[in-house]
N, C-alpha and C. Protein backbone atom coordinates (compact mmCIF):
# COMPACT_ATOMS: atom_id res chain seq x y z
N MET A 1 -66.51 -8.62 -35.14
CA MET A 1 -65.87 -8.85 -33.88
C MET A 1 -64.65 -9.73 -34.01
N THR A 2 -64.65 -10.61 -34.92
CA THR A 2 -63.52 -11.51 -35.06
C THR A 2 -62.26 -10.75 -35.44
N SER A 3 -62.39 -9.74 -36.23
CA SER A 3 -61.19 -8.97 -36.60
C SER A 3 -60.67 -8.17 -35.41
N LEU A 4 -61.60 -7.64 -34.62
CA LEU A 4 -61.19 -6.91 -33.43
C LEU A 4 -60.52 -7.84 -32.42
N THR A 5 -61.05 -9.04 -32.25
CA THR A 5 -60.46 -10.04 -31.36
C THR A 5 -59.08 -10.45 -31.85
N ALA A 6 -58.93 -10.60 -33.14
CA ALA A 6 -57.65 -10.98 -33.73
C ALA A 6 -56.60 -9.88 -33.48
N VAL A 7 -57.02 -8.63 -33.57
CA VAL A 7 -56.11 -7.51 -33.34
C VAL A 7 -55.65 -7.51 -31.88
N PHE A 8 -56.57 -7.75 -30.95
CA PHE A 8 -56.21 -7.79 -29.53
C PHE A 8 -55.26 -8.95 -29.23
N GLN A 9 -55.50 -10.08 -29.86
CA GLN A 9 -54.63 -11.23 -29.63
C GLN A 9 -53.21 -10.96 -30.17
N MET A 10 -53.11 -10.31 -31.33
CA MET A 10 -51.79 -10.00 -31.89
C MET A 10 -51.07 -8.97 -31.01
N ALA A 11 -51.82 -7.99 -30.54
CA ALA A 11 -51.21 -6.98 -29.68
C ALA A 11 -50.74 -7.63 -28.38
N ARG A 12 -51.52 -8.53 -27.86
CA ARG A 12 -51.15 -9.22 -26.62
C ARG A 12 -49.88 -10.05 -26.82
N GLN A 13 -49.78 -10.76 -27.94
CA GLN A 13 -48.63 -11.60 -28.22
C GLN A 13 -47.37 -10.75 -28.43
N ARG A 14 -47.50 -9.59 -29.05
CA ARG A 14 -46.33 -8.78 -29.36
C ARG A 14 -45.90 -7.88 -28.20
N LEU A 15 -46.82 -7.40 -27.39
CA LEU A 15 -46.47 -6.43 -26.37
C LEU A 15 -46.47 -6.99 -24.96
N ILE A 16 -47.52 -7.62 -24.56
CA ILE A 16 -47.68 -8.01 -23.17
C ILE A 16 -46.90 -9.27 -22.82
N VAL A 17 -47.00 -10.31 -23.61
CA VAL A 17 -46.35 -11.58 -23.29
C VAL A 17 -44.83 -11.46 -23.28
N PRO A 18 -44.17 -10.80 -24.27
CA PRO A 18 -42.70 -10.68 -24.17
C PRO A 18 -42.26 -9.87 -22.96
N ALA A 19 -43.00 -8.86 -22.57
CA ALA A 19 -42.62 -8.06 -21.41
C ALA A 19 -42.69 -8.87 -20.13
N ILE A 20 -43.70 -9.72 -19.99
CA ILE A 20 -43.82 -10.55 -18.80
C ILE A 20 -42.77 -11.67 -18.81
N GLY A 21 -42.54 -12.24 -19.97
CA GLY A 21 -41.60 -13.37 -20.08
C GLY A 21 -40.16 -12.95 -19.84
N ASN A 22 -39.78 -11.71 -20.17
CA ASN A 22 -38.38 -11.28 -20.05
C ASN A 22 -38.05 -10.60 -18.73
N CYS A 23 -39.02 -10.36 -17.89
CA CYS A 23 -38.72 -9.66 -16.65
C CYS A 23 -37.92 -10.59 -15.73
N ALA A 24 -36.89 -10.02 -15.15
CA ALA A 24 -36.03 -10.80 -14.26
C ALA A 24 -36.49 -10.59 -12.83
N ARG A 25 -36.47 -11.63 -12.07
CA ARG A 25 -36.86 -11.55 -10.66
C ARG A 25 -35.59 -11.65 -9.83
N PHE A 26 -35.42 -10.67 -8.94
CA PHE A 26 -34.25 -10.66 -8.07
C PHE A 26 -34.71 -10.96 -6.65
N TYR A 27 -34.09 -11.96 -6.07
CA TYR A 27 -34.43 -12.36 -4.72
C TYR A 27 -33.33 -11.88 -3.78
N ALA A 28 -33.32 -12.35 -2.55
CA ALA A 28 -32.37 -11.88 -1.54
C ALA A 28 -30.92 -12.17 -1.93
N ALA A 29 -30.65 -13.31 -2.55
CA ALA A 29 -29.29 -13.66 -2.92
C ALA A 29 -28.88 -12.90 -4.18
N LYS A 30 -27.72 -12.26 -4.13
CA LYS A 30 -27.22 -11.52 -5.28
C LYS A 30 -26.57 -12.51 -6.24
N PRO A 31 -26.60 -12.22 -7.52
CA PRO A 31 -25.92 -13.10 -8.46
C PRO A 31 -24.42 -13.07 -8.22
N ALA A 32 -23.77 -14.20 -8.37
CA ALA A 32 -22.33 -14.31 -8.11
C ALA A 32 -21.55 -13.56 -9.17
N PRO A 33 -20.57 -12.71 -8.77
CA PRO A 33 -19.75 -11.99 -9.75
C PRO A 33 -18.76 -12.94 -10.40
N ALA A 34 -18.18 -12.49 -11.50
CA ALA A 34 -17.18 -13.29 -12.20
C ALA A 34 -15.98 -13.51 -11.30
N ALA A 35 -15.33 -14.65 -11.43
CA ALA A 35 -14.21 -15.01 -10.54
C ALA A 35 -13.02 -14.08 -10.72
N SER A 36 -12.80 -13.55 -11.93
CA SER A 36 -11.63 -12.70 -12.16
C SER A 36 -11.79 -11.32 -11.53
N LYS A 37 -13.03 -10.85 -11.37
CA LYS A 37 -13.27 -9.53 -10.81
C LYS A 37 -13.45 -9.55 -9.31
N LYS A 38 -13.49 -10.71 -8.71
CA LYS A 38 -13.75 -10.84 -7.28
C LYS A 38 -12.54 -10.35 -6.48
N LYS A 39 -12.78 -9.44 -5.51
CA LYS A 39 -11.71 -8.93 -4.67
C LYS A 39 -11.86 -9.50 -3.27
N LYS A 40 -10.75 -9.73 -2.63
CA LYS A 40 -10.77 -10.21 -1.25
C LYS A 40 -11.08 -9.05 -0.33
N LEU A 41 -11.84 -9.31 0.70
CA LEU A 41 -12.18 -8.27 1.65
C LEU A 41 -11.49 -8.55 2.98
N GLY A 42 -10.88 -7.53 3.51
CA GLY A 42 -10.28 -7.61 4.83
C GLY A 42 -11.15 -6.87 5.82
N LYS A 43 -10.63 -6.60 6.99
CA LYS A 43 -11.38 -5.87 8.00
C LYS A 43 -11.63 -4.43 7.58
N LEU A 44 -10.71 -3.86 6.83
CA LEU A 44 -10.80 -2.45 6.46
C LEU A 44 -11.17 -2.25 4.99
N GLY A 45 -11.66 -3.27 4.32
CA GLY A 45 -12.08 -3.11 2.93
C GLY A 45 -11.30 -4.04 2.02
N PRO A 46 -11.33 -3.77 0.71
CA PRO A 46 -10.64 -4.66 -0.23
C PRO A 46 -9.13 -4.62 -0.04
N ILE A 47 -8.52 -5.77 -0.20
CA ILE A 47 -7.08 -5.90 -0.03
C ILE A 47 -6.41 -5.56 -1.36
N VAL A 48 -5.47 -4.63 -1.33
CA VAL A 48 -4.75 -4.23 -2.52
C VAL A 48 -3.57 -5.17 -2.71
N GLU A 49 -3.43 -5.67 -3.91
CA GLU A 49 -2.32 -6.59 -4.17
C GLU A 49 -1.02 -5.79 -4.27
N LYS A 50 0.05 -6.36 -3.74
CA LYS A 50 1.34 -5.68 -3.70
C LYS A 50 1.98 -5.69 -5.09
N LYS A 51 2.64 -4.57 -5.41
CA LYS A 51 3.34 -4.47 -6.67
C LYS A 51 4.71 -5.13 -6.53
N VAL A 52 5.14 -5.81 -7.56
CA VAL A 52 6.45 -6.45 -7.56
C VAL A 52 7.43 -5.46 -8.17
N ILE A 53 8.43 -5.06 -7.39
CA ILE A 53 9.42 -4.10 -7.85
C ILE A 53 10.61 -4.87 -8.41
N PRO A 54 11.06 -4.51 -9.62
CA PRO A 54 12.20 -5.24 -10.20
C PRO A 54 13.48 -4.95 -9.42
N VAL A 55 14.32 -5.97 -9.28
CA VAL A 55 15.58 -5.87 -8.55
C VAL A 55 16.72 -5.84 -9.55
N GLU A 56 17.65 -4.92 -9.34
CA GLU A 56 18.81 -4.81 -10.24
C GLU A 56 19.77 -5.97 -9.99
N THR A 57 20.17 -6.66 -11.06
CA THR A 57 21.08 -7.80 -10.92
C THR A 57 22.41 -7.57 -11.64
N ASP A 58 22.53 -6.49 -12.38
CA ASP A 58 23.77 -6.20 -13.10
C ASP A 58 24.85 -5.77 -12.11
N ALA A 59 25.92 -6.55 -11.99
CA ALA A 59 26.98 -6.29 -11.01
C ALA A 59 27.70 -4.98 -11.30
N ASN A 60 27.93 -4.66 -12.55
CA ASN A 60 28.63 -3.42 -12.91
C ASN A 60 27.82 -2.20 -12.48
N LYS A 61 26.53 -2.23 -12.69
CA LYS A 61 25.67 -1.11 -12.30
C LYS A 61 25.57 -1.00 -10.78
N LEU A 62 25.53 -2.13 -10.08
CA LEU A 62 25.48 -2.10 -8.62
C LEU A 62 26.73 -1.51 -8.00
N VAL A 63 27.88 -1.69 -8.64
CA VAL A 63 29.14 -1.19 -8.11
C VAL A 63 29.34 0.29 -8.44
N ASN A 64 28.87 0.75 -9.59
CA ASN A 64 29.17 2.10 -10.06
C ASN A 64 28.05 3.12 -9.86
N TYR A 65 26.84 2.70 -9.55
CA TYR A 65 25.71 3.62 -9.43
C TYR A 65 24.95 3.38 -8.12
N VAL A 66 24.28 4.43 -7.64
CA VAL A 66 23.40 4.31 -6.48
C VAL A 66 22.04 3.89 -7.03
N CYS A 67 21.74 2.59 -7.01
CA CYS A 67 20.53 2.08 -7.63
C CYS A 67 19.30 2.55 -6.86
N GLY A 68 18.31 3.05 -7.58
CA GLY A 68 17.08 3.51 -6.97
C GLY A 68 17.10 4.98 -6.61
N SER A 69 18.20 5.70 -6.90
CA SER A 69 18.26 7.12 -6.54
C SER A 69 17.53 7.99 -7.55
N ASN A 70 17.25 7.49 -8.74
CA ASN A 70 16.52 8.26 -9.74
C ASN A 70 15.03 8.04 -9.55
N TYR A 71 14.32 9.08 -9.15
CA TYR A 71 12.88 8.96 -8.94
C TYR A 71 12.09 9.57 -10.09
N LEU A 72 12.77 10.06 -11.11
CA LEU A 72 12.09 10.60 -12.28
C LEU A 72 11.97 9.52 -13.34
N LYS A 73 11.05 9.73 -14.29
CA LYS A 73 10.89 8.76 -15.37
C LYS A 73 12.07 8.82 -16.34
N ALA A 74 12.57 10.02 -16.59
CA ALA A 74 13.71 10.18 -17.48
C ALA A 74 14.97 10.39 -16.64
N GLY A 75 16.10 9.99 -17.17
CA GLY A 75 17.36 10.18 -16.46
C GLY A 75 17.95 8.86 -15.99
N GLU A 76 19.02 8.97 -15.21
CA GLU A 76 19.68 7.76 -14.72
C GLU A 76 20.04 7.93 -13.26
N ASP A 77 20.46 6.84 -12.63
CA ASP A 77 20.84 6.86 -11.22
C ASP A 77 22.13 7.66 -11.02
N VAL A 78 22.35 8.08 -9.77
CA VAL A 78 23.53 8.87 -9.43
C VAL A 78 24.77 7.98 -9.48
N LYS A 79 25.81 8.48 -10.14
CA LYS A 79 27.06 7.72 -10.25
C LYS A 79 27.86 7.89 -8.96
N ILE A 80 28.45 6.81 -8.47
CA ILE A 80 29.27 6.85 -7.24
C ILE A 80 30.63 7.47 -7.58
N LYS A 81 31.02 8.47 -6.76
CA LYS A 81 32.29 9.18 -6.96
C LYS A 81 33.40 8.50 -6.17
N PRO A 82 34.66 8.84 -6.44
CA PRO A 82 35.75 8.31 -5.61
C PRO A 82 35.66 8.84 -4.18
N ASP A 83 36.26 8.13 -3.23
CA ASP A 83 36.18 8.50 -1.81
C ASP A 83 36.75 9.88 -1.53
N ALA A 84 37.73 10.33 -2.31
CA ALA A 84 38.37 11.62 -2.06
C ALA A 84 37.41 12.79 -2.31
N GLU A 85 36.38 12.60 -3.08
CA GLU A 85 35.46 13.69 -3.40
C GLU A 85 34.37 13.88 -2.34
N TYR A 86 34.31 13.01 -1.36
CA TYR A 86 33.31 13.13 -0.29
C TYR A 86 33.95 13.80 0.93
N PRO A 87 33.17 14.51 1.77
CA PRO A 87 33.75 15.18 2.94
C PRO A 87 34.25 14.18 3.98
N GLU A 88 35.20 14.63 4.78
CA GLU A 88 35.83 13.76 5.77
C GLU A 88 34.86 13.31 6.86
N TRP A 89 33.92 14.18 7.27
CA TRP A 89 33.01 13.83 8.35
C TRP A 89 32.10 12.66 7.98
N LEU A 90 31.94 12.41 6.70
CA LEU A 90 31.09 11.30 6.26
C LEU A 90 31.64 9.95 6.72
N TRP A 91 32.97 9.85 6.78
CA TRP A 91 33.59 8.59 7.14
C TRP A 91 33.67 8.39 8.65
N THR A 92 33.33 9.42 9.44
CA THR A 92 33.37 9.29 10.90
C THR A 92 31.98 9.01 11.49
N LEU A 93 30.95 8.92 10.68
CA LEU A 93 29.60 8.64 11.19
C LEU A 93 29.53 7.24 11.78
N ASN A 94 28.77 7.10 12.85
CA ASN A 94 28.62 5.81 13.52
C ASN A 94 27.57 4.98 12.77
N THR A 95 28.00 3.92 12.14
CA THR A 95 27.07 3.02 11.43
C THR A 95 27.03 1.63 12.06
N GLU A 96 27.79 1.44 13.12
CA GLU A 96 27.90 0.11 13.73
C GLU A 96 26.74 -0.21 14.66
N ARG A 97 26.58 0.58 15.73
CA ARG A 97 25.57 0.27 16.74
C ARG A 97 25.13 1.56 17.41
N ILE A 98 24.04 1.49 18.15
CA ILE A 98 23.58 2.63 18.93
C ILE A 98 24.41 2.69 20.20
N ILE A 99 24.95 3.86 20.49
CA ILE A 99 25.79 4.02 21.68
C ILE A 99 24.89 4.04 22.91
N PRO A 100 25.17 3.19 23.92
CA PRO A 100 24.34 3.18 25.13
C PRO A 100 24.41 4.51 25.88
N LEU A 101 23.41 4.79 26.69
CA LEU A 101 23.31 6.04 27.42
C LEU A 101 24.50 6.23 28.37
N GLU A 102 24.99 5.14 28.95
CA GLU A 102 26.09 5.23 29.91
C GLU A 102 27.39 5.71 29.26
N GLU A 103 27.55 5.45 27.95
CA GLU A 103 28.78 5.83 27.27
C GLU A 103 28.72 7.25 26.71
N LEU A 104 27.56 7.89 26.74
CA LEU A 104 27.44 9.25 26.22
C LEU A 104 27.87 10.27 27.27
N ASP A 105 28.33 11.42 26.81
CA ASP A 105 28.74 12.51 27.70
C ASP A 105 27.49 13.23 28.22
N PRO A 106 27.33 13.36 29.55
CA PRO A 106 26.13 14.03 30.09
C PRO A 106 26.02 15.51 29.72
N ASN A 107 27.07 16.10 29.20
CA ASN A 107 27.02 17.51 28.80
C ASN A 107 26.64 17.70 27.34
N SER A 108 26.36 16.59 26.65
CA SER A 108 26.03 16.70 25.22
C SER A 108 24.52 16.72 24.99
N LYS A 109 24.13 17.27 23.87
CA LYS A 109 22.71 17.34 23.49
C LYS A 109 22.16 15.94 23.18
N GLN A 110 23.01 15.11 22.59
CA GLN A 110 22.61 13.74 22.25
C GLN A 110 22.23 12.94 23.49
N TYR A 111 22.98 13.15 24.58
CA TYR A 111 22.69 12.46 25.85
C TYR A 111 21.30 12.82 26.33
N TRP A 112 20.96 14.11 26.37
CA TRP A 112 19.67 14.53 26.91
C TRP A 112 18.51 14.15 26.01
N ARG A 113 18.74 14.13 24.72
CA ARG A 113 17.69 13.66 23.81
C ARG A 113 17.40 12.17 24.03
N ARG A 114 18.45 11.38 24.18
CA ARG A 114 18.29 9.94 24.41
C ARG A 114 17.61 9.69 25.74
N LEU A 115 18.00 10.47 26.77
CA LEU A 115 17.40 10.33 28.09
C LEU A 115 15.90 10.63 28.05
N ARG A 116 15.53 11.69 27.34
CA ARG A 116 14.11 12.05 27.20
C ARG A 116 13.34 10.97 26.45
N LYS A 117 13.94 10.44 25.40
CA LYS A 117 13.30 9.38 24.61
C LYS A 117 13.06 8.13 25.46
N LEU A 118 14.05 7.74 26.24
CA LEU A 118 13.90 6.57 27.10
C LEU A 118 12.86 6.81 28.19
N ALA A 119 12.80 8.03 28.73
CA ALA A 119 11.80 8.35 29.76
C ALA A 119 10.39 8.31 29.19
N LEU A 120 10.21 8.83 27.98
CA LEU A 120 8.89 8.78 27.33
C LEU A 120 8.46 7.33 27.08
N ARG A 121 9.41 6.52 26.64
CA ARG A 121 9.11 5.11 26.40
C ARG A 121 8.69 4.40 27.69
N ARG A 122 9.42 4.70 28.78
CA ARG A 122 9.11 4.09 30.08
C ARG A 122 7.74 4.52 30.57
N ASN A 123 7.42 5.81 30.45
CA ASN A 123 6.11 6.31 30.87
C ASN A 123 4.97 5.69 30.06
N ASN A 124 5.19 5.52 28.77
CA ASN A 124 4.16 4.89 27.93
C ASN A 124 3.92 3.44 28.33
N GLN A 125 5.00 2.74 28.63
CA GLN A 125 4.84 1.35 29.08
C GLN A 125 4.11 1.28 30.42
N LEU A 126 4.43 2.19 31.33
CA LEU A 126 3.76 2.21 32.64
C LEU A 126 2.29 2.57 32.51
N SER A 127 1.96 3.48 31.60
CA SER A 127 0.57 3.87 31.44
C SER A 127 -0.27 2.74 30.86
N LYS A 128 0.34 1.85 30.11
CA LYS A 128 -0.39 0.69 29.58
C LYS A 128 -0.73 -0.29 30.70
N LEU A 129 0.09 -0.33 31.75
CA LEU A 129 -0.13 -1.27 32.84
C LEU A 129 -1.20 -0.82 33.83
N LYS A 130 -1.50 0.48 33.86
CA LYS A 130 -2.47 1.00 34.83
C LYS A 130 -3.86 0.45 34.52
N LYS A 131 -4.57 0.06 35.57
CA LYS A 131 -5.95 -0.42 35.42
C LYS A 131 -6.88 0.55 36.10
N PHE A 132 -7.95 0.90 35.43
CA PHE A 132 -8.89 1.87 35.97
C PHE A 132 -10.04 1.18 36.64
């Protein structure tokens, strides 16, 4: 019997005790994640960090090229041509301010588009004020 008891004790020490001793107990609190992997949470989920876009500082390139016009990985930005190579209507475009409705011609398409846009804006503002 002593040899049989010795065998059971060895089996117990090798199999049962290590299994009980190594089992991890998980309670309601989750283990804290590593600080580097922790993401901030907003109302709509994790907040994505913004990418920093490099800014061109070379004055020669800023004067001679349209910076940012190349969207391909290979190639270069579009080179700026002399003014004579561009069409005449390009220089007559209004870049200063939005022309008020009173200064527009009522027979033009631009006038009626602006009028419709202003009316839609006014109706939207009025509908926000209504109480049910």
